[in-house]
């Protein structure tokens, strides 16, 4: 029976861990979602300046992935130069409490994790 339970993880198309968490568990996605939650609607350059260490290409890729999952919405204003703004959708807002829980856990355990890494030997 345990082998049957493990099969659910090998179905790439239907495995939520691989399929959904892959998009929000990368280096930048949760940070972008948290920033938009705190600030509301932001332009691309505002998000880029807030993060500081993400390349424009990586930020653009991250925003497109989050938009494709329905977690944020992108609005283009027909101006010269074009103005583009991003904000969370209801689905994105529903994810925030879970991100906040994970962030709280990370803060609470950060010192212990750093200590474990220092003493870990391969």
PDB file of N, CA and C in Angstrom:
ATOM      1  N   UNK A   1       0.812  -1.211   0.000  1.00  0.00           N
ATOM      2  CA  UNK A   1       0.000   0.000   0.000  1.00  0.00           C
ATOM      3  C   UNK A   1       0.857   1.278   0.000  1.00  0.00           C
ATOM      4  N   UNK A   2       1.984   1.363   0.729  1.00  0.00           N
ATOM      5  CA  UNK A   2       2.789   2.582   0.682  1.00  0.00           C
ATOM      6  C   UNK A   2       3.274   2.913  -0.728  1.00  0.00           C
ATOM      7  N   UNK A   3       3.578   1.908  -1.542  1.00  0.00           N
ATOM      8  CA  UNK A   3       4.018   2.167  -2.912  1.00  0.00           C
ATOM      9  C   UNK A   3       2.918   2.846  -3.714  1.00  0.00           C
ATOM     10  N   UNK A   4       1.673   2.460  -3.477  1.00  0.00           N
ATOM     11  CA  UNK A   4       0.535   3.076  -4.174  1.00  0.00           C
ATOM     12  C   UNK A   4       0.443   4.560  -3.803  1.00  0.00           C
ATOM     13  N   UNK A   5       0.654   4.874  -2.534  1.00  0.00           N
ATOM     14  CA  UNK A   5       0.616   6.279  -2.101  1.00  0.00           C
ATOM     15  C   UNK A   5       1.715   7.097  -2.753  1.00  0.00           C
ATOM     16  N   UNK A   6       2.872   6.490  -2.971  1.00  0.00           N
ATOM     17  CA  UNK A   6       3.992   7.218  -3.556  1.00  0.00           C
ATOM     18  C   UNK A   6       3.816   7.483  -5.042  1.00  0.00           C
ATOM     19  N   UNK A   7       2.967   6.732  -5.720  1.00  0.00           N
ATOM     20  CA  UNK A   7       2.752   6.908  -7.157  1.00  0.00           C
ATOM     21  C   UNK A   7       2.169   8.283  -7.482  1.00  0.00           C
ATOM     22  N   UNK A   8       1.424   8.870  -6.557  1.00  0.00           N
ATOM     23  CA  UNK A   8       0.823  10.188  -6.828  1.00  0.00           C
ATOM     24  C   UNK A   8       1.884  11.258  -7.065  1.00  0.00           C
ATOM     25  N   UNK A   9       3.100  11.031  -6.558  1.00  0.00           N
ATOM     26  CA  UNK A   9       4.166  12.010  -6.736  1.00  0.00           C
ATOM     27  C   UNK A   9       4.863  11.874  -8.082  1.00  0.00           C
ATOM     28  N   UNK A  10       4.705  10.750  -8.758  1.00  0.00           N
ATOM     29  CA  UNK A  10       5.391  10.546 -10.022  1.00  0.00           C
ATOM     30  C   UNK A  10       4.581  11.035 -11.218  1.00  0.00           C
ATOM     31  N   UNK A  11       3.324  11.372 -11.029  1.00  0.00           N
ATOM     32  CA  UNK A  11       2.479  11.885 -12.104  1.00  0.00           C
ATOM     33  C   UNK A  11       2.695  13.397 -12.204  1.00  0.00           C
ATOM     34  N   UNK A  12       3.608  13.801 -13.062  1.00  0.00           N
ATOM     35  CA  UNK A  12       4.031  15.195 -13.155  1.00  0.00           C
ATOM     36  C   UNK A  12       2.856  16.137 -13.419  1.00  0.00           C
ATOM     37  N   UNK A  13       1.969  15.772 -14.311  1.00  0.00           N
ATOM     38  CA  UNK A  13       0.853  16.636 -14.696  1.00  0.00           C
ATOM     39  C   UNK A  13      -0.122  16.890 -13.545  1.00  0.00           C
ATOM     40  N   UNK A  14      -0.313  15.897 -12.665  1.00  0.00           N
ATOM     41  CA  UNK A  14      -1.327  16.003 -11.620  1.00  0.00           C
ATOM     42  C   UNK A  14      -0.767  16.123 -10.211  1.00  0.00           C
ATOM     43  N   UNK A  15       0.518  16.292 -10.085  1.00  0.00           N
ATOM     44  CA  UNK A  15       1.137  16.427  -8.761  1.00  0.00           C
ATOM     45  C   UNK A  15       1.194  17.907  -8.375  1.00  0.00           C
ATOM     46  N   UNK A  16       0.402  18.321  -7.381  1.00  0.00           N
ATOM     47  CA  UNK A  16       0.404  19.740  -6.993  1.00  0.00           C
ATOM     48  C   UNK A  16       1.777  20.223  -6.534  1.00  0.00           C
ATOM     49  N   UNK A  17       2.548  19.351  -5.918  1.00  0.00           N
ATOM     50  CA  UNK A  17       3.868  19.770  -5.442  1.00  0.00           C
ATOM     51  C   UNK A  17       4.743  20.169  -6.624  1.00  0.00           C
ATOM     52  N   UNK A  18       4.783  19.340  -7.633  1.00  0.00           N
ATOM     53  CA  UNK A  18       5.598  19.651  -8.811  1.00  0.00           C
ATOM     54  C   UNK A  18       4.983  20.757  -9.654  1.00  0.00           C
ATOM     55  N   UNK A  19       3.695  20.716  -9.814  1.00  0.00           N
ATOM     56  CA  UNK A  19       3.027  21.573 -10.771  1.00  0.00           C
ATOM     57  C   UNK A  19       2.782  22.993 -10.249  1.00  0.00           C
ATOM     58  N   UNK A  20       2.243  23.131  -9.075  1.00  0.00           N
ATOM     59  CA  UNK A  20       1.901  24.454  -8.546  1.00  0.00           C
ATOM     60  C   UNK A  20       3.044  25.034  -7.724  1.00  0.00           C
ATOM     61  N   UNK A  21       3.549  24.254  -6.792  1.00  0.00           N
ATOM     62  CA  UNK A  21       4.591  24.778  -5.910  1.00  0.00           C
ATOM     63  C   UNK A  21       5.877  25.098  -6.650  1.00  0.00           C
ATOM     64  N   UNK A  22       6.087  24.466  -7.801  1.00  0.00           N
ATOM     65  CA  UNK A  22       7.245  24.791  -8.625  1.00  0.00           C
ATOM     66  C   UNK A  22       7.204  26.250  -9.054  1.00  0.00           C
ATOM     67  N   UNK A  23       6.019  26.779  -9.305  1.00  0.00           N
ATOM     68  CA  UNK A  23       5.892  28.171  -9.744  1.00  0.00           C
ATOM     69  C   UNK A  23       6.022  29.161  -8.598  1.00  0.00           C
ATOM     70  N   UNK A  24       5.542  28.820  -7.431  1.00  0.00           N
ATOM     71  CA  UNK A  24       5.574  29.796  -6.333  1.00  0.00           C
ATOM     72  C   UNK A  24       6.718  29.562  -5.356  1.00  0.00           C
ATOM     73  N   UNK A  25       7.423  28.445  -5.509  1.00  0.00           N
ATOM     74  CA  UNK A  25       8.498  28.124  -4.578  1.00  0.00           C
ATOM     75  C   UNK A  25       9.873  28.493  -5.077  1.00  0.00           C
ATOM     76  N   UNK A  26       9.953  29.259  -6.156  1.00  0.00           N
ATOM     77  CA  UNK A  26      11.269  29.644  -6.659  1.00  0.00           C
ATOM     78  C   UNK A  26      11.831  30.810  -5.846  1.00  0.00           C
ATOM     79  N   UNK A  27      12.950  31.304  -6.264  1.00  0.00           N
ATOM     80  CA  UNK A  27      13.675  32.326  -5.501  1.00  0.00           C
ATOM     81  C   UNK A  27      12.924  33.658  -5.390  1.00  0.00           C
ATOM     82  N   UNK A  28      12.105  33.997  -6.398  1.00  0.00           N
ATOM     83  CA  UNK A  28      11.539  35.339  -6.441  1.00  0.00           C
ATOM     84  C   UNK A  28      10.029  35.419  -6.256  1.00  0.00           C
ATOM     85  N   UNK A  29       9.294  34.374  -6.541  1.00  0.00           N
ATOM     86  CA  UNK A  29       7.830  34.463  -6.595  1.00  0.00           C
ATOM     87  C   UNK A  29       7.197  34.876  -5.273  1.00  0.00           C
ATOM     88  N   UNK A  30       7.574  34.234  -4.180  1.00  0.00           N
ATOM     89  CA  UNK A  30       6.963  34.582  -2.900  1.00  0.00           C
ATOM     90  C   UNK A  30       7.322  36.004  -2.494  1.00  0.00           C
ATOM     91  N   UNK A  31       8.515  36.443  -2.858  1.00  0.00           N
ATOM     92  CA  UNK A  31       8.919  37.817  -2.570  1.00  0.00           C
ATOM     93  C   UNK A  31       8.053  38.802  -3.360  1.00  0.00           C
ATOM     94  N   UNK A  32       7.839  38.537  -4.638  1.00  0.00           N
ATOM     95  CA  UNK A  32       6.984  39.396  -5.469  1.00  0.00           C
ATOM     96  C   UNK A  32       5.564  39.429  -4.916  1.00  0.00           C
ATOM     97  N   UNK A  33       5.025  38.268  -4.579  1.00  0.00           N
ATOM     98  CA  UNK A  33       3.668  38.208  -4.033  1.00  0.00           C
ATOM     99  C   UNK A  33       3.570  38.976  -2.717  1.00  0.00           C
ATOM    100  N   UNK A  34       4.565  38.844  -1.857  1.00  0.00           N
ATOM    101  CA  UNK A  34       4.565  39.561  -0.575  1.00  0.00           C
ATOM    102  C   UNK A  34       4.633  41.070  -0.781  1.00  0.00           C
ATOM    103  N   UNK A  35       5.462  41.502  -1.713  1.00  0.00           N
ATOM    104  CA  UNK A  35       5.599  42.933  -2.001  1.00  0.00           C
ATOM    105  C   UNK A  35       4.282  43.496  -2.532  1.00  0.00           C
ATOM    106  N   UNK A  36       3.663  42.778  -3.478  1.00  0.00           N
ATOM    107  CA  UNK A  36       2.386  43.259  -4.012  1.00  0.00           C
ATOM    108  C   UNK A  36       1.299  43.252  -2.950  1.00  0.00           C
ATOM    109  N   UNK A  37       1.360  42.300  -2.037  1.00  0.00           N
ATOM    110  CA  UNK A  37       0.390  42.283  -0.942  1.00  0.00           C
ATOM    111  C   UNK A  37       0.553  43.510  -0.050  1.00  0.00           C
ATOM    112  N   UNK A  38       1.781  43.868   0.246  1.00  0.00           N
ATOM    113  CA  UNK A  38       2.030  45.025   1.123  1.00  0.00           C
ATOM    114  C   UNK A  38       1.749  46.352   0.428  1.00  0.00           C
ATOM    115  N   UNK A  39       2.093  46.440  -0.841  1.00  0.00           N
ATOM    116  CA  UNK A  39       2.035  47.726  -1.526  1.00  0.00           C
ATOM    117  C   UNK A  39       0.811  47.917  -2.411  1.00  0.00           C
ATOM    118  N   UNK A  40       0.102  46.842  -2.739  1.00  0.00           N
ATOM    119  CA  UNK A  40      -1.052  46.965  -3.627  1.00  0.00           C
ATOM    120  C   UNK A  40      -0.621  46.897  -5.079  1.00  0.00           C
ATOM    121  N   UNK A  41      -0.934  47.913  -5.839  1.00  0.00           N
ATOM    122  CA  UNK A  41      -0.608  47.963  -7.255  1.00  0.00           C
ATOM    123  C   UNK A  41       0.755  48.618  -7.449  1.00  0.00           C
ATOM    124  N   UNK A  42       1.621  47.942  -8.231  1.00  0.00           N
ATOM    125  CA  UNK A  42       2.952  48.481  -8.496  1.00  0.00           C
ATOM    126  C   UNK A  42       3.305  48.335  -9.970  1.00  0.00           C
ATOM    127  N   UNK A  43       4.156  49.230 -10.423  1.00  0.00           N
ATOM    128  CA  UNK A  43       4.703  49.144 -11.773  1.00  0.00           C
ATOM    129  C   UNK A  43       5.915  48.224 -11.750  1.00  0.00           C
ATOM    130  N   UNK A  44       6.286  47.734 -12.934  1.00  0.00           N
ATOM    131  CA  UNK A  44       7.412  46.815 -13.069  1.00  0.00           C
ATOM    132  C   UNK A  44       8.657  47.387 -12.406  1.00  0.00           C
ATOM    133  N   UNK A  45       8.997  48.644 -12.735  1.00  0.00           N
ATOM    134  CA  UNK A  45      10.229  49.240 -12.200  1.00  0.00           C
ATOM    135  C   UNK A  45      10.186  49.397 -10.680  1.00  0.00           C
ATOM    136  N   UNK A  46       9.008  49.622 -10.125  1.00  0.00           N
ATOM    137  CA  UNK A  46       8.892  49.720  -8.669  1.00  0.00           C
ATOM    138  C   UNK A  46       9.196  48.371  -8.016  1.00  0.00           C
ATOM    139  N   UNK A  47       8.683  47.298  -8.604  1.00  0.00           N
ATOM    140  CA  UNK A  47       8.963  45.958  -8.080  1.00  0.00           C
ATOM    141  C   UNK A  47      10.451  45.674  -8.213  1.00  0.00           C
ATOM    142  N   UNK A  48      11.011  45.997  -9.370  1.00  0.00           N
ATOM    143  CA  UNK A  48      12.437  45.741  -9.628  1.00  0.00           C
ATOM    144  C   UNK A  48      13.318  46.499  -8.637  1.00  0.00           C
ATOM    145  N   UNK A  49      13.017  47.754  -8.410  1.00  0.00           N
ATOM    146  CA  UNK A  49      13.811  48.558  -7.470  1.00  0.00           C
ATOM    147  C   UNK A  49      13.650  48.061  -6.038  1.00  0.00           C
ATOM    148  N   UNK A  50      12.452  47.615  -5.689  1.00  0.00           N
ATOM    149  CA  UNK A  50      12.211  47.120  -4.331  1.00  0.00           C
ATOM    150  C   UNK A  50      13.044  45.873  -4.051  1.00  0.00           C
ATOM    151  N   UNK A  51      13.077  44.952  -5.003  1.00  0.00           N
ATOM    152  CA  UNK A  51      13.859  43.722  -4.820  1.00  0.00           C
ATOM    153  C   UNK A  51      15.349  44.012  -4.964  1.00  0.00           C
ATOM    154  N   UNK A  52      15.713  44.752  -5.981  1.00  0.00           N
ATOM    155  CA  UNK A  52      17.093  45.181  -6.141  1.00  0.00           C
ATOM    156  C   UNK A  52      18.029  44.179  -6.793  1.00  0.00           C
ATOM    157  N   UNK A  53      17.982  42.920  -6.394  1.00  0.00           N
ATOM    158  CA  UNK A  53      18.982  41.961  -6.859  1.00  0.00           C
ATOM    159  C   UNK A  53      18.472  41.014  -7.939  1.00  0.00           C
ATOM    160  N   UNK A  54      17.274  41.217  -8.439  1.00  0.00           N
ATOM    161  CA  UNK A  54      16.728  40.377  -9.495  1.00  0.00           C
ATOM    162  C   UNK A  54      16.957  41.063 -10.840  1.00  0.00           C
ATOM    163  N   UNK A  55      17.337  40.287 -11.851  1.00  0.00           N
ATOM    164  CA  UNK A  55      17.500  40.865 -13.179  1.00  0.00           C
ATOM    165  C   UNK A  55      16.126  41.190 -13.757  1.00  0.00           C
ATOM    166  N   UNK A  56      16.095  42.108 -14.708  1.00  0.00           N
ATOM    167  CA  UNK A  56      14.825  42.457 -15.348  1.00  0.00           C
ATOM    168  C   UNK A  56      14.236  41.255 -16.063  1.00  0.00           C
ATOM    169  N   UNK A  57      15.083  40.447 -16.694  1.00  0.00           N
ATOM    170  CA  UNK A  57      14.599  39.267 -17.403  1.00  0.00           C
ATOM    171  C   UNK A  57      13.969  38.269 -16.431  1.00  0.00           C
ATOM    172  N   UNK A  58      14.623  38.018 -15.307  1.00  0.00           N
ATOM    173  CA  UNK A  58      14.090  37.065 -14.326  1.00  0.00           C
ATOM    174  C   UNK A  58      12.809  37.586 -13.701  1.00  0.00           C
ATOM    175  N   UNK A  59      12.745  38.885 -13.416  1.00  0.00           N
ATOM    176  CA  UNK A  59      11.523  39.461 -12.865  1.00  0.00           C
ATOM    177  C   UNK A  59      10.387  39.344 -13.877  1.00  0.00           C
ATOM    178  N   UNK A  60      10.671  39.621 -15.132  1.00  0.00           N
ATOM    179  CA  UNK A  60       9.656  39.504 -16.172  1.00  0.00           C
ATOM    180  C   UNK A  60       9.144  38.063 -16.270  1.00  0.00           C
ATOM    181  N   UNK A  61      10.047  37.097 -16.234  1.00  0.00           N
ATOM    182  CA  UNK A  61       9.671  35.679 -16.272  1.00  0.00           C
ATOM    183  C   UNK A  61       8.820  35.313 -15.066  1.00  0.00           C
ATOM    184  N   UNK A  62       9.222  35.773 -13.894  1.00  0.00           N
ATOM    185  CA  UNK A  62       8.487  35.493 -12.660  1.00  0.00           C
ATOM    186  C   UNK A  62       7.084  36.073 -12.722  1.00  0.00           C
ATOM    187  N   UNK A  63       6.962  37.320 -13.156  1.00  0.00           N
ATOM    188  CA  UNK A  63       5.654  37.960 -13.248  1.00  0.00           C
ATOM    189  C   UNK A  63       4.750  37.233 -14.244  1.00  0.00           C
ATOM    190  N   UNK A  64       5.315  36.793 -15.368  1.00  0.00           N
ATOM    191  CA  UNK A  64       4.516  36.056 -16.362  1.00  0.00           C
ATOM    192  C   UNK A  64       4.025  34.725 -15.798  1.00  0.00           C
ATOM    193  N   UNK A  65       4.870  34.027 -15.047  1.00  0.00           N
ATOM    194  CA  UNK A  65       4.465  32.747 -14.460  1.00  0.00           C
ATOM    195  C   UNK A  65       3.357  32.955 -13.439  1.00  0.00           C
ATOM    196  N   UNK A  66       3.499  33.976 -12.606  1.00  0.00           N
ATOM    197  CA  UNK A  66       2.477  34.254 -11.601  1.00  0.00           C
ATOM    198  C   UNK A  66       1.165  34.688 -12.261  1.00  0.00           C
ATOM    199  N   UNK A  67       1.276  35.429 -13.345  1.00  0.00           N
ATOM    200  CA  UNK A  67       0.079  35.825 -14.084  1.00  0.00           C
ATOM    201  C   UNK A  67      -0.575  34.602 -14.730  1.00  0.00           C
ATOM    202  N   UNK A  68       0.230  33.702 -15.284  1.00  0.00           N
ATOM    203  CA  UNK A  68      -0.333  32.508 -15.938  1.00  0.00           C
ATOM    204  C   UNK A  68      -1.061  31.606 -14.946  1.00  0.00           C
ATOM    205  N   UNK A  69      -0.659  31.651 -13.669  1.00  0.00           N
ATOM    206  CA  UNK A  69      -1.319  30.870 -12.621  1.00  0.00           C
ATOM    207  C   UNK A  69      -2.511  31.604 -12.015  1.00  0.00           C
ATOM    208  N   UNK A  70      -2.764  32.814 -12.491  1.00  0.00           N
ATOM    209  CA  UNK A  70      -3.902  33.583 -11.979  1.00  0.00           C
ATOM    210  C   UNK A  70      -3.668  34.181 -10.611  1.00  0.00           C
ATOM    211  N   UNK A  71      -2.398  34.384 -10.236  1.00  0.00           N
ATOM    212  CA  UNK A  71      -2.085  34.934  -8.918  1.00  0.00           C
ATOM    213  C   UNK A  71      -1.941  36.450  -8.938  1.00  0.00           C
ATOM    214  N   UNK A  72      -1.657  36.997 -10.106  1.00  0.00           N
ATOM    215  CA  UNK A  72      -1.613  38.446 -10.245  1.00  0.00           C
ATOM    216  C   UNK A  72      -2.159  38.812 -11.609  1.00  0.00           C
ATOM    217  N   UNK A  73      -2.512  40.076 -11.741  1.00  0.00           N
ATOM    218  CA  UNK A  73      -3.033  40.586 -13.000  1.00  0.00           C
ATOM    219  C   UNK A  73      -2.135  41.729 -13.454  1.00  0.00           C
ATOM    220  N   UNK A  74      -1.930  41.768 -14.748  1.00  0.00           N
ATOM    221  CA  UNK A  74      -1.092  42.783 -15.382  1.00  0.00           C
ATOM    222  C   UNK A  74      -2.004  43.693 -16.190  1.00  0.00           C
ATOM    223  N   UNK A  75      -1.890  44.994 -15.954  1.00  0.00           N
ATOM    224  CA  UNK A  75      -2.710  45.950 -16.703  1.00  0.00           C
ATOM    225  C   UNK A  75      -1.793  46.894 -17.467  1.00  0.00           C
ATOM    226  N   UNK A  76      -2.011  46.978 -18.778  1.00  0.00           N
ATOM    227  CA  UNK A  76      -1.223  47.852 -19.640  1.00  0.00           C
ATOM    228  C   UNK A  76      -2.052  49.082 -19.964  1.00  0.00           C
ATOM    229  N   UNK A  77      -1.471  50.250 -19.744  1.00  0.00           N
ATOM    230  CA  UNK A  77      -2.141  51.507 -20.044  1.00  0.00           C
ATOM    231  C   UNK A  77      -1.582  52.055 -21.356  1.00  0.00           C
ATOM    232  N   UNK A  78      -2.453  52.399 -22.297  1.00  0.00           N
ATOM    233  CA  UNK A  78      -2.003  52.857 -23.624  1.00  0.00           C
ATOM    234  C   UNK A  78      -1.454  54.281 -23.577  1.00  0.00           C
ATOM    235  N   UNK A  79      -0.274  54.411 -23.021  1.00  0.00           N
ATOM    236  CA  UNK A  79       0.389  55.707 -22.922  1.00  0.00           C
ATOM    237  C   UNK A  79       1.742  55.590 -23.606  1.00  0.00           C
ATOM    238  N   UNK A  80       2.404  56.698 -23.799  1.00  0.00           N
ATOM    239  CA  UNK A  80       3.751  56.670 -24.346  1.00  0.00           C
ATOM    240  C   UNK A  80       4.657  57.313 -23.318  1.00  0.00           C
ATOM    241  N   UNK A  81       5.607  56.589 -22.752  1.00  0.00           N
ATOM    242  CA  UNK A  81       5.796  55.140 -22.911  1.00  0.00           C
ATOM    243  C   UNK A  81       4.689  54.371 -22.187  1.00  0.00           C
ATOM    244  N   UNK A  82       4.464  53.114 -22.606  1.00  0.00           N
ATOM    245  CA  UNK A  82       3.398  52.323 -21.968  1.00  0.00           C
ATOM    246  C   UNK A  82       3.650  52.155 -20.472  1.00  0.00           C
ATOM    247  N   UNK A  83       2.574  52.235 -19.721  1.00  0.00           N
ATOM    248  CA  UNK A  83       2.649  52.020 -18.275  1.00  0.00           C
ATOM    249  C   UNK A  83       2.018  50.663 -17.999  1.00  0.00           C
ATOM    250  N   UNK A  84       2.725  49.834 -17.235  1.00  0.00           N
ATOM    251  CA  UNK A  84       2.245  48.498 -16.892  1.00  0.00           C
ATOM    252  C   UNK A  84       2.219  48.379 -15.377  1.00  0.00           C
ATOM    253  N   UNK A  85       1.081  47.942 -14.844  1.00  0.00           N
ATOM    254  CA  UNK A  85       0.922  47.773 -13.399  1.00  0.00           C
ATOM    255  C   UNK A  85       0.514  46.347 -13.078  1.00  0.00           C
ATOM    256  N   UNK A  86       0.936  45.907 -11.900  1.00  0.00           N
ATOM    257  CA  UNK A  86       0.630  44.565 -11.424  1.00  0.00           C
ATOM    258  C   UNK A  86      -0.068  44.652 -10.078  1.00  0.00           C
ATOM    259  N   UNK A  87      -1.022  43.748  -9.863  1.00  0.00           N
ATOM    260  CA  UNK A  87      -1.657  43.627  -8.555  1.00  0.00           C
ATOM    261  C   UNK A  87      -2.118  42.188  -8.353  1.00  0.00           C
ATOM    262  N   UNK A  88      -2.298  41.813  -7.098  1.00  0.00           N
ATOM    263  CA  UNK A  88      -2.748  40.464  -6.780  1.00  0.00           C
ATOM    264  C   UNK A  88      -4.199  40.253  -7.183  1.00  0.00           C
ATOM    265  N   UNK A  89      -4.509  39.042  -7.595  1.00  0.00           N
ATOM    266  CA  UNK A  89      -5.892  38.636  -7.823  1.00  0.00           C
ATOM    267  C   UNK A  89      -6.428  38.085  -6.496  1.00  0.00           C
ATOM    268  N   UNK A  90      -7.694  37.720  -6.489  1.00  0.00           N
ATOM    269  CA  UNK A  90      -8.265  37.096  -5.282  1.00  0.00           C
ATOM    270  C   UNK A  90      -7.528  35.787  -4.965  1.00  0.00           C
ATOM    271  N   UNK A  91      -7.172  35.021  -6.000  1.00  0.00           N
ATOM    272  CA  UNK A  91      -6.423  33.784  -5.781  1.00  0.00           C
ATOM    273  C   UNK A  91      -5.060  34.097  -5.162  1.00  0.00           C
ATOM    274  N   UNK A  92      -4.408  35.126  -5.667  1.00  0.00           N
ATOM    275  CA  UNK A  92      -3.119  35.530  -5.107  1.00  0.00           C
ATOM    276  C   UNK A  92      -3.246  35.965  -3.656  1.00  0.00           C
ATOM    277  N   UNK A  93      -4.309  36.732  -3.366  1.00  0.00           N
ATOM    278  CA  UNK A  93      -4.539  37.172  -1.984  1.00  0.00           C
ATOM    279  C   UNK A  93      -4.805  35.985  -1.059  1.00  0.00           C
ATOM    280  N   UNK A  94      -5.449  34.939  -1.593  1.00  0.00           N
ATOM    281  CA  UNK A  94      -5.744  33.767  -0.756  1.00  0.00           C
ATOM    282  C   UNK A  94      -4.484  32.979  -0.411  1.00  0.00           C
ATOM    283  N   UNK A  95      -3.423  33.193  -1.167  1.00  0.00           N
ATOM    284  CA  UNK A  95      -2.148  32.515  -0.903  1.00  0.00           C
ATOM    285  C   UNK A  95      -1.333  33.221   0.185  1.00  0.00           C
ATOM    286  N   UNK A  96      -1.571  34.500   0.380  1.00  0.00           N
ATOM    287  CA  UNK A  96      -0.763  35.316   1.290  1.00  0.00           C
ATOM    288  C   UNK A  96      -0.703  34.773   2.723  1.00  0.00           C
ATOM    289  N   UNK A  97      -1.804  34.346   3.332  1.00  0.00           N
ATOM    290  CA  UNK A  97      -1.683  33.814   4.696  1.00  0.00           C
ATOM    291  C   UNK A  97      -0.741  32.610   4.778  1.00  0.00           C
ATOM    292  N   UNK A  98      -0.704  31.798   3.742  1.00  0.00           N
ATOM    293  CA  UNK A  98       0.185  30.637   3.731  1.00  0.00           C
ATOM    294  C   UNK A  98       1.643  31.074   3.578  1.00  0.00           C
ATOM    295  N   UNK A  99       1.870  32.072   2.741  1.00  0.00           N
ATOM    296  CA  UNK A  99       3.225  32.629   2.600  1.00  0.00           C
ATOM    297  C   UNK A  99       3.654  33.238   3.922  1.00  0.00           C
ATOM    298  N   UNK A 100       2.758  33.982   4.568  1.00  0.00           N
ATOM    299  CA  UNK A 100       3.091  34.612   5.850  1.00  0.00           C
ATOM    300  C   UNK A 100       3.426  33.566   6.907  1.00  0.00           C
ATOM    301  N   UNK A 101       2.705  32.437   6.899  1.00  0.00           N
ATOM    302  CA  UNK A 101       3.029  31.355   7.838  1.00  0.00           C
ATOM    303  C   UNK A 101       4.413  30.795   7.570  1.00  0.00           C
ATOM    304  N   UNK A 102       4.745  30.591   6.306  1.00  0.00           N
ATOM    305  CA  UNK A 102       6.059  30.065   5.957  1.00  0.00           C
ATOM    306  C   UNK A 102       7.154  31.065   6.318  1.00  0.00           C
ATOM    307  N   UNK A 103       6.912  32.340   6.050  1.00  0.00           N
ATOM    308  CA  UNK A 103       7.880  33.376   6.408  1.00  0.00           C
ATOM    309  C   UNK A 103       8.072  33.408   7.927  1.00  0.00           C
ATOM    310  N   UNK A 104       6.984  33.323   8.675  1.00  0.00           N
ATOM    311  CA  UNK A 104       7.088  33.294  10.139  1.00  0.00           C
ATOM    312  C   UNK A 104       7.895  32.104  10.621  1.00  0.00           C
ATOM    313  N   UNK A 105       7.664  30.940  10.013  1.00  0.00           N
ATOM    314  CA  UNK A 105       8.417  29.746  10.375  1.00  0.00           C
ATOM    315  C   UNK A 105       9.895  29.952  10.058  1.00  0.00           C
ATOM    316  N   UNK A 106      10.198  30.537   8.890  1.00  0.00           N
ATOM    317  CA  UNK A 106      11.586  30.777   8.495  1.00  0.00           C
ATOM    318  C   UNK A 106      12.276  31.727   9.474  1.00  0.00           C
ATOM    319  N   UNK A 107      11.599  32.786   9.857  1.00  0.00           N
ATOM    320  CA  UNK A 107      12.173  33.749  10.809  1.00  0.00           C
ATOM    321  C   UNK A 107      12.419  33.071  12.154  1.00  0.00           C
ATOM    322  N   UNK A 108      11.443  32.311  12.606  1.00  0.00           N
ATOM    323  CA  UNK A 108      11.545  31.627  13.896  1.00  0.00           C
ATOM    324  C   UNK A 108      12.686  30.607  13.927  1.00  0.00           C
ATOM    325  N   UNK A 109      12.947  29.971  12.821  1.00  0.00           N
ATOM    326  CA  UNK A 109      13.940  28.899  12.777  1.00  0.00           C
ATOM    327  C   UNK A 109      15.253  29.276  12.100  1.00  0.00           C
ATOM    328  N   UNK A 110      15.392  30.507  11.662  1.00  0.00           N
ATOM    329  CA  UNK A 110      16.541  30.922  10.875  1.00  0.00           C
ATOM    330  C   UNK A 110      17.871  30.702  11.599  1.00  0.00           C
ATOM    331  N   UNK A 111      17.967  31.135  12.832  1.00  0.00           N
ATOM    332  CA  UNK A 111      19.229  30.975  13.566  1.00  0.00           C
ATOM    333  C   UNK A 111      19.608  29.507  13.725  1.00  0.00           C
ATOM    334  N   UNK A 112      18.647  28.670  14.065  1.00  0.00           N
ATOM    335  CA  UNK A 112      18.916  27.242  14.206  1.00  0.00           C
ATOM    336  C   UNK A 112      19.326  26.595  12.892  1.00  0.00           C
ATOM    337  N   UNK A 113      18.709  27.015  11.810  1.00  0.00           N
ATOM    338  CA  UNK A 113      19.061  26.479  10.492  1.00  0.00           C
ATOM    339  C   UNK A 113      20.474  26.906  10.115  1.00  0.00           C
ATOM    340  N   UNK A 114      20.815  28.164  10.375  1.00  0.00           N
ATOM    341  CA  UNK A 114      22.181  28.620  10.084  1.00  0.00           C
ATOM    342  C   UNK A 114      23.191  27.816  10.898  1.00  0.00           C
ATOM    343  N   UNK A 115      22.896  27.569  12.183  1.00  0.00           N
ATOM    344  CA  UNK A 115      23.791  26.768  13.022  1.00  0.00           C
ATOM    345  C   UNK A 115      23.932  25.354  12.480  1.00  0.00           C
ATOM    346  N   UNK A 116      22.827  24.755  12.068  1.00  0.00           N
ATOM    347  CA  UNK A 116      22.873  23.397  11.505  1.00  0.00           C
ATOM    348  C   UNK A 116      23.734  23.354  10.250  1.00  0.00           C
ATOM    349  N   UNK A 117      23.615  24.353   9.415  1.00  0.00           N
ATOM    350  CA  UNK A 117      24.419  24.403   8.193  1.00  0.00           C
ATOM    351  C   UNK A 117      25.905  24.508   8.501  1.00  0.00           C
ATOM    352  N   UNK A 118      26.222  25.268   9.542  1.00  0.00           N
ATOM    353  CA  UNK A 118      27.638  25.430   9.906  1.00  0.00           C
ATOM    354  C   UNK A 118      28.253  24.130  10.406  1.00  0.00           C
ATOM    355  N   UNK A 119      27.456  23.323  11.089  1.00  0.00           N
ATOM    356  CA  UNK A 119      27.991  22.077  11.667  1.00  0.00           C
ATOM    357  C   UNK A 119      27.810  20.877  10.763  1.00  0.00           C
ATOM    358  N   UNK A 120      27.127  21.035   9.638  1.00  0.00           N
ATOM    359  CA  UNK A 120      26.861  19.916   8.734  1.00  0.00           C
ATOM    360  C   UNK A 120      28.121  19.572   7.943  1.00  0.00           C
ATOM    361  N   UNK A 121      28.415  18.296   7.890  1.00  0.00           N
ATOM    362  CA  UNK A 121      29.541  17.843   7.063  1.00  0.00           C
ATOM    363  C   UNK A 121      29.028  16.822   6.071  1.00  0.00           C
ATOM    364  N   UNK A 122      29.583  16.870   4.900  1.00  0.00           N
ATOM    365  CA  UNK A 122      29.148  15.970   3.821  1.00  0.00           C
ATOM    366  C   UNK A 122      29.840  14.632   3.938  1.00  0.00           C
TER     367      UNK A 122
END
